[in-house]
């Protein structure tokens, strides 16, 4: 028994400096502020990535809030989006559809979405919106000339309970 007692402290003496160096090499930095914008590069979708869900909503000219439906995993989840804007001579009513990527659960769909690349326009491009949970929505409007956008502070999605 006395032999085992002497071996343990010697091992700790040898390993202690190594553990100290390993732990102090990269100390964690302060967490980012809550209003920090995530880099658009995090929302890159490689070709062939499966779609996690689809969204459909109807925009009305002058309405600040729009209701929509997320279809994912065989379920329909109703949501409200505030801040999505239709620009430049929009019709009274327009249908917007989109694909959703990075959706792990319906709760990760809610949040503040910011523009992470491009504006939907008559060129057929999609408005790409991403939230802090790394969920990406690519929205396209049914009238091809309709231009969609969000303010700098983003659009807020709330999932109905």
C-alpha atoms as a PDB file:
ATOM      1  CA  UNK A   1       0.000   0.000   0.000  1.00  0.00           C
ATOM      2  CA  UNK A   2       2.757   2.431   0.753  1.00  0.00           C
ATOM      3  CA  UNK A   3       4.157   1.979  -2.753  1.00  0.00           C
ATOM      4  CA  UNK A   4       0.867   3.069  -4.377  1.00  0.00           C
ATOM      5  CA  UNK A   5       0.717   6.152  -2.163  1.00  0.00           C
ATOM      6  CA  UNK A   6       4.106   7.335  -3.348  1.00  0.00           C
ATOM      7  CA  UNK A   7       3.387   6.786  -7.065  1.00  0.00           C
ATOM      8  CA  UNK A   8       0.212   8.868  -7.242  1.00  0.00           C
ATOM      9  CA  UNK A   9       1.736  12.140  -5.993  1.00  0.00           C
ATOM     10  CA  UNK A  10       4.745  11.763  -8.313  1.00  0.00           C
ATOM     11  CA  UNK A  11       2.434  11.336 -11.309  1.00  0.00           C
ATOM     12  CA  UNK A  12       0.439  14.365 -10.294  1.00  0.00           C
ATOM     13  CA  UNK A  13       3.609  16.405  -9.907  1.00  0.00           C
ATOM     14  CA  UNK A  14       4.625  15.493 -13.467  1.00  0.00           C
ATOM     15  CA  UNK A  15       1.160  16.027 -14.963  1.00  0.00           C
ATOM     16  CA  UNK A  16       0.183  19.194 -13.080  1.00  0.00           C
ATOM     17  CA  UNK A  17       2.264  21.629 -15.193  1.00  0.00           C
ATOM     18  CA  UNK A  18       0.953  20.047 -18.393  1.00  0.00           C
ATOM     19  CA  UNK A  19      -2.645  20.376 -17.226  1.00  0.00           C
ATOM     20  CA  UNK A  20      -2.070  23.991 -16.243  1.00  0.00           C
ATOM     21  CA  UNK A  21      -0.598  24.862 -19.662  1.00  0.00           C
ATOM     22  CA  UNK A  22      -3.397  23.034 -21.507  1.00  0.00           C
ATOM     23  CA  UNK A  23      -6.118  24.785 -19.540  1.00  0.00           C
ATOM     24  CA  UNK A  24      -4.621  28.272 -19.779  1.00  0.00           C
ATOM     25  CA  UNK A  25      -3.749  28.199 -23.496  1.00  0.00           C
ATOM     26  CA  UNK A  26      -7.167  29.292 -24.795  1.00  0.00           C
ATOM     27  CA  UNK A  27      -9.177  30.887 -22.073  1.00  0.00           C
ATOM     28  CA  UNK A  28     -12.802  31.461 -23.069  1.00  0.00           C
ATOM     29  CA  UNK A  29     -13.641  34.953 -24.165  1.00  0.00           C
ATOM     30  CA  UNK A  30     -16.652  36.946 -23.085  1.00  0.00           C
ATOM     31  CA  UNK A  31     -19.896  35.823 -24.767  1.00  0.00           C
ATOM     32  CA  UNK A  32     -21.068  37.934 -27.707  1.00  0.00           C
ATOM     33  CA  UNK A  33     -23.627  40.641 -26.962  1.00  0.00           C
ATOM     34  CA  UNK A  34     -27.260  39.598 -27.528  1.00  0.00           C
ATOM     35  CA  UNK A  35     -27.640  41.966 -30.490  1.00  0.00           C
ATOM     36  CA  UNK A  36     -24.561  40.619 -32.303  1.00  0.00           C
ATOM     37  CA  UNK A  37     -25.224  39.647 -35.908  1.00  0.00           C
ATOM     38  CA  UNK A  38     -24.076  36.185 -36.915  1.00  0.00           C
ATOM     39  CA  UNK A  39     -21.818  36.010 -39.948  1.00  0.00           C
ATOM     40  CA  UNK A  40     -23.671  35.239 -43.220  1.00  0.00           C
ATOM     41  CA  UNK A  41     -21.039  32.582 -43.919  1.00  0.00           C
ATOM     42  CA  UNK A  42     -22.613  30.363 -41.257  1.00  0.00           C
ATOM     43  CA  UNK A  43     -25.726  30.097 -43.431  1.00  0.00           C
ATOM     44  CA  UNK A  44     -23.961  28.576 -46.453  1.00  0.00           C
ATOM     45  CA  UNK A  45     -26.003  25.657 -47.788  1.00  0.00           C
ATOM     46  CA  UNK A  46     -24.027  23.089 -49.782  1.00  0.00           C
ATOM     47  CA  UNK A  47     -25.706  21.698 -52.906  1.00  0.00           C
ATOM     48  CA  UNK A  48     -27.931  18.719 -52.159  1.00  0.00           C
ATOM     49  CA  UNK A  49     -28.769  19.792 -48.592  1.00  0.00           C
ATOM     50  CA  UNK A  50     -32.229  18.439 -47.744  1.00  0.00           C
ATOM     51  CA  UNK A  51     -35.005  20.910 -46.999  1.00  0.00           C
ATOM     52  CA  UNK A  52     -36.215  20.694 -43.389  1.00  0.00           C
ATOM     53  CA  UNK A  53     -39.539  22.424 -44.014  1.00  0.00           C
ATOM     54  CA  UNK A  54     -41.510  24.830 -46.149  1.00  0.00           C
ATOM     55  CA  UNK A  55     -43.272  28.066 -45.288  1.00  0.00           C
ATOM     56  CA  UNK A  56     -46.239  29.788 -46.884  1.00  0.00           C
ATOM     57  CA  UNK A  57     -47.588  33.206 -45.993  1.00  0.00           C
ATOM     58  CA  UNK A  58     -49.749  35.911 -47.508  1.00  0.00           C
ATOM     59  CA  UNK A  59     -48.522  39.498 -47.342  1.00  0.00           C
ATOM     60  CA  UNK A  60     -50.985  42.367 -47.364  1.00  0.00           C
ATOM     61  CA  UNK A  61     -49.889  45.833 -48.415  1.00  0.00           C
ATOM     62  CA  UNK A  62     -49.509  48.101 -45.386  1.00  0.00           C
ATOM     63  CA  UNK A  63     -49.785  45.269 -42.828  1.00  0.00           C
ATOM     64  CA  UNK A  64     -46.935  45.157 -40.326  1.00  0.00           C
ATOM     65  CA  UNK A  65     -47.689  41.581 -39.234  1.00  0.00           C
ATOM     66  CA  UNK A  66     -48.298  38.521 -41.381  1.00  0.00           C
ATOM     67  CA  UNK A  67     -49.386  35.024 -40.436  1.00  0.00           C
ATOM     68  CA  UNK A  68     -48.025  31.915 -42.082  1.00  0.00           C
ATOM     69  CA  UNK A  69     -47.696  28.155 -41.865  1.00  0.00           C
ATOM     70  CA  UNK A  70     -44.514  26.116 -41.456  1.00  0.00           C
ATOM     71  CA  UNK A  71     -44.794  22.555 -42.743  1.00  0.00           C
ATOM     72  CA  UNK A  72     -42.152  20.295 -41.246  1.00  0.00           C
ATOM     73  CA  UNK A  73     -42.042  16.631 -40.193  1.00  0.00           C
ATOM     74  CA  UNK A  74     -45.634  16.104 -41.282  1.00  0.00           C
ATOM     75  CA  UNK A  75     -46.893  18.881 -39.018  1.00  0.00           C
ATOM     76  CA  UNK A  76     -48.320  22.316 -39.723  1.00  0.00           C
ATOM     77  CA  UNK A  77     -47.079  24.973 -37.315  1.00  0.00           C
ATOM     78  CA  UNK A  78     -48.692  28.420 -37.435  1.00  0.00           C
ATOM     79  CA  UNK A  79     -46.457  31.427 -36.939  1.00  0.00           C
ATOM     80  CA  UNK A  80     -46.531  35.212 -37.079  1.00  0.00           C
ATOM     81  CA  UNK A  81     -43.820  37.326 -38.698  1.00  0.00           C
ATOM     82  CA  UNK A  82     -43.422  41.026 -37.951  1.00  0.00           C
ATOM     83  CA  UNK A  83     -41.122  43.222 -40.005  1.00  0.00           C
ATOM     84  CA  UNK A  84     -41.193  41.522 -43.402  1.00  0.00           C
ATOM     85  CA  UNK A  85     -41.753  44.309 -45.907  1.00  0.00           C
ATOM     86  CA  UNK A  86     -43.004  44.423 -49.466  1.00  0.00           C
ATOM     87  CA  UNK A  87     -41.342  47.204 -51.402  1.00  0.00           C
ATOM     88  CA  UNK A  88     -42.076  49.263 -54.516  1.00  0.00           C
ATOM     89  CA  UNK A  89     -45.636  49.152 -55.823  1.00  0.00           C
ATOM     90  CA  UNK A  90     -46.776  45.917 -54.268  1.00  0.00           C
ATOM     91  CA  UNK A  91     -50.202  44.449 -55.015  1.00  0.00           C
ATOM     92  CA  UNK A  92     -52.810  44.471 -52.258  1.00  0.00           C
ATOM     93  CA  UNK A  93     -52.042  40.826 -51.515  1.00  0.00           C
ATOM     94  CA  UNK A  94     -49.085  38.595 -52.377  1.00  0.00           C
ATOM     95  CA  UNK A  95     -48.208  34.984 -51.619  1.00  0.00           C
ATOM     96  CA  UNK A  96     -44.732  34.149 -50.405  1.00  0.00           C
ATOM     97  CA  UNK A  97     -43.376  30.613 -50.189  1.00  0.00           C
ATOM     98  CA  UNK A  98     -40.031  29.386 -49.027  1.00  0.00           C
ATOM     99  CA  UNK A  99     -37.746  26.615 -47.931  1.00  0.00           C
ATOM    100  CA  UNK A 100     -36.374  26.191 -44.405  1.00  0.00           C
ATOM    101  CA  UNK A 101     -32.961  24.736 -43.570  1.00  0.00           C
ATOM    102  CA  UNK A 102     -31.308  23.937 -40.224  1.00  0.00           C
ATOM    103  CA  UNK A 103     -34.570  23.269 -38.400  1.00  0.00           C
ATOM    104  CA  UNK A 104     -33.846  20.863 -35.541  1.00  0.00           C
ATOM    105  CA  UNK A 105     -37.201  21.386 -33.817  1.00  0.00           C
ATOM    106  CA  UNK A 106     -40.126  23.746 -34.292  1.00  0.00           C
ATOM    107  CA  UNK A 107     -38.969  25.824 -31.296  1.00  0.00           C
ATOM    108  CA  UNK A 108     -35.749  26.791 -33.090  1.00  0.00           C
ATOM    109  CA  UNK A 109     -37.845  28.386 -35.851  1.00  0.00           C
ATOM    110  CA  UNK A 110     -38.892  31.332 -33.654  1.00  0.00           C
ATOM    111  CA  UNK A 111     -36.595  34.319 -33.264  1.00  0.00           C
ATOM    112  CA  UNK A 112     -35.282  37.386 -35.002  1.00  0.00           C
ATOM    113  CA  UNK A 113     -34.395  36.868 -38.651  1.00  0.00           C
ATOM    114  CA  UNK A 114     -31.908  39.105 -40.419  1.00  0.00           C
ATOM    115  CA  UNK A 115     -31.025  39.366 -44.075  1.00  0.00           C
ATOM    116  CA  UNK A 116     -28.049  37.065 -44.712  1.00  0.00           C
ATOM    117  CA  UNK A 117     -27.693  37.558 -48.420  1.00  0.00           C
ATOM    118  CA  UNK A 118     -29.621  39.057 -51.270  1.00  0.00           C
ATOM    119  CA  UNK A 119     -33.017  40.491 -51.938  1.00  0.00           C
ATOM    120  CA  UNK A 120     -35.875  38.656 -53.656  1.00  0.00           C
ATOM    121  CA  UNK A 121     -36.545  40.390 -56.951  1.00  0.00           C
ATOM    122  CA  UNK A 122     -37.694  39.757 -60.482  1.00  0.00           C
ATOM    123  CA  UNK A 123     -34.408  37.951 -61.137  1.00  0.00           C
ATOM    124  CA  UNK A 124     -35.839  34.943 -59.304  1.00  0.00           C
ATOM    125  CA  UNK A 125     -33.490  35.305 -56.347  1.00  0.00           C
ATOM    126  CA  UNK A 126     -34.655  34.411 -52.883  1.00  0.00           C
ATOM    127  CA  UNK A 127     -34.578  36.615 -49.812  1.00  0.00           C
ATOM    128  CA  UNK A 128     -32.338  34.706 -47.396  1.00  0.00           C
ATOM    129  CA  UNK A 129     -33.161  35.234 -43.726  1.00  0.00           C
ATOM    130  CA  UNK A 130     -31.311  33.620 -40.819  1.00  0.00           C
ATOM    131  CA  UNK A 131     -31.944  33.581 -37.079  1.00  0.00           C
ATOM    132  CA  UNK A 132     -29.702  33.082 -34.032  1.00  0.00           C
ATOM    133  CA  UNK A 133     -30.493  29.331 -34.006  1.00  0.00           C
ATOM    134  CA  UNK A 134     -28.894  29.070 -37.476  1.00  0.00           C
ATOM    135  CA  UNK A 135     -32.232  28.408 -39.152  1.00  0.00           C
ATOM    136  CA  UNK A 136     -32.278  29.716 -42.720  1.00  0.00           C
ATOM    137  CA  UNK A 137     -35.402  30.698 -44.694  1.00  0.00           C
ATOM    138  CA  UNK A 138     -35.270  31.308 -48.422  1.00  0.00           C
ATOM    139  CA  UNK A 139     -38.397  33.247 -49.396  1.00  0.00           C
ATOM    140  CA  UNK A 140     -39.763  33.772 -52.919  1.00  0.00           C
ATOM    141  CA  UNK A 141     -42.805  35.777 -53.875  1.00  0.00           C
ATOM    142  CA  UNK A 142     -45.499  34.528 -56.251  1.00  0.00           C
ATOM    143  CA  UNK A 143     -45.641  37.698 -58.386  1.00  0.00           C
ATOM    144  CA  UNK A 144     -42.115  37.585 -59.862  1.00  0.00           C
ATOM    145  CA  UNK A 145     -41.562  41.376 -59.758  1.00  0.00           C
ATOM    146  CA  UNK A 146     -42.276  41.691 -56.032  1.00  0.00           C
ATOM    147  CA  UNK A 147     -39.377  42.888 -53.885  1.00  0.00           C
ATOM    148  CA  UNK A 148     -39.145  41.672 -50.277  1.00  0.00           C
ATOM    149  CA  UNK A 149     -36.960  43.005 -47.501  1.00  0.00           C
ATOM    150  CA  UNK A 150     -36.425  43.302 -43.753  1.00  0.00           C
ATOM    151  CA  UNK A 151     -35.228  46.263 -41.680  1.00  0.00           C
ATOM    152  CA  UNK A 152     -31.722  46.284 -40.192  1.00  0.00           C
ATOM    153  CA  UNK A 153     -33.073  45.142 -36.807  1.00  0.00           C
ATOM    154  CA  UNK A 154     -34.642  42.114 -38.507  1.00  0.00           C
ATOM    155  CA  UNK A 155     -38.056  40.454 -38.682  1.00  0.00           C
ATOM    156  CA  UNK A 156     -39.471  38.654 -35.660  1.00  0.00           C
ATOM    157  CA  UNK A 157     -41.037  35.200 -35.993  1.00  0.00           C
ATOM    158  CA  UNK A 158     -43.316  33.989 -33.201  1.00  0.00           C
ATOM    159  CA  UNK A 159     -44.608  30.406 -33.217  1.00  0.00           C
ATOM    160  CA  UNK A 160     -48.259  30.004 -32.219  1.00  0.00           C
ATOM    161  CA  UNK A 161     -48.912  27.690 -29.315  1.00  0.00           C
END
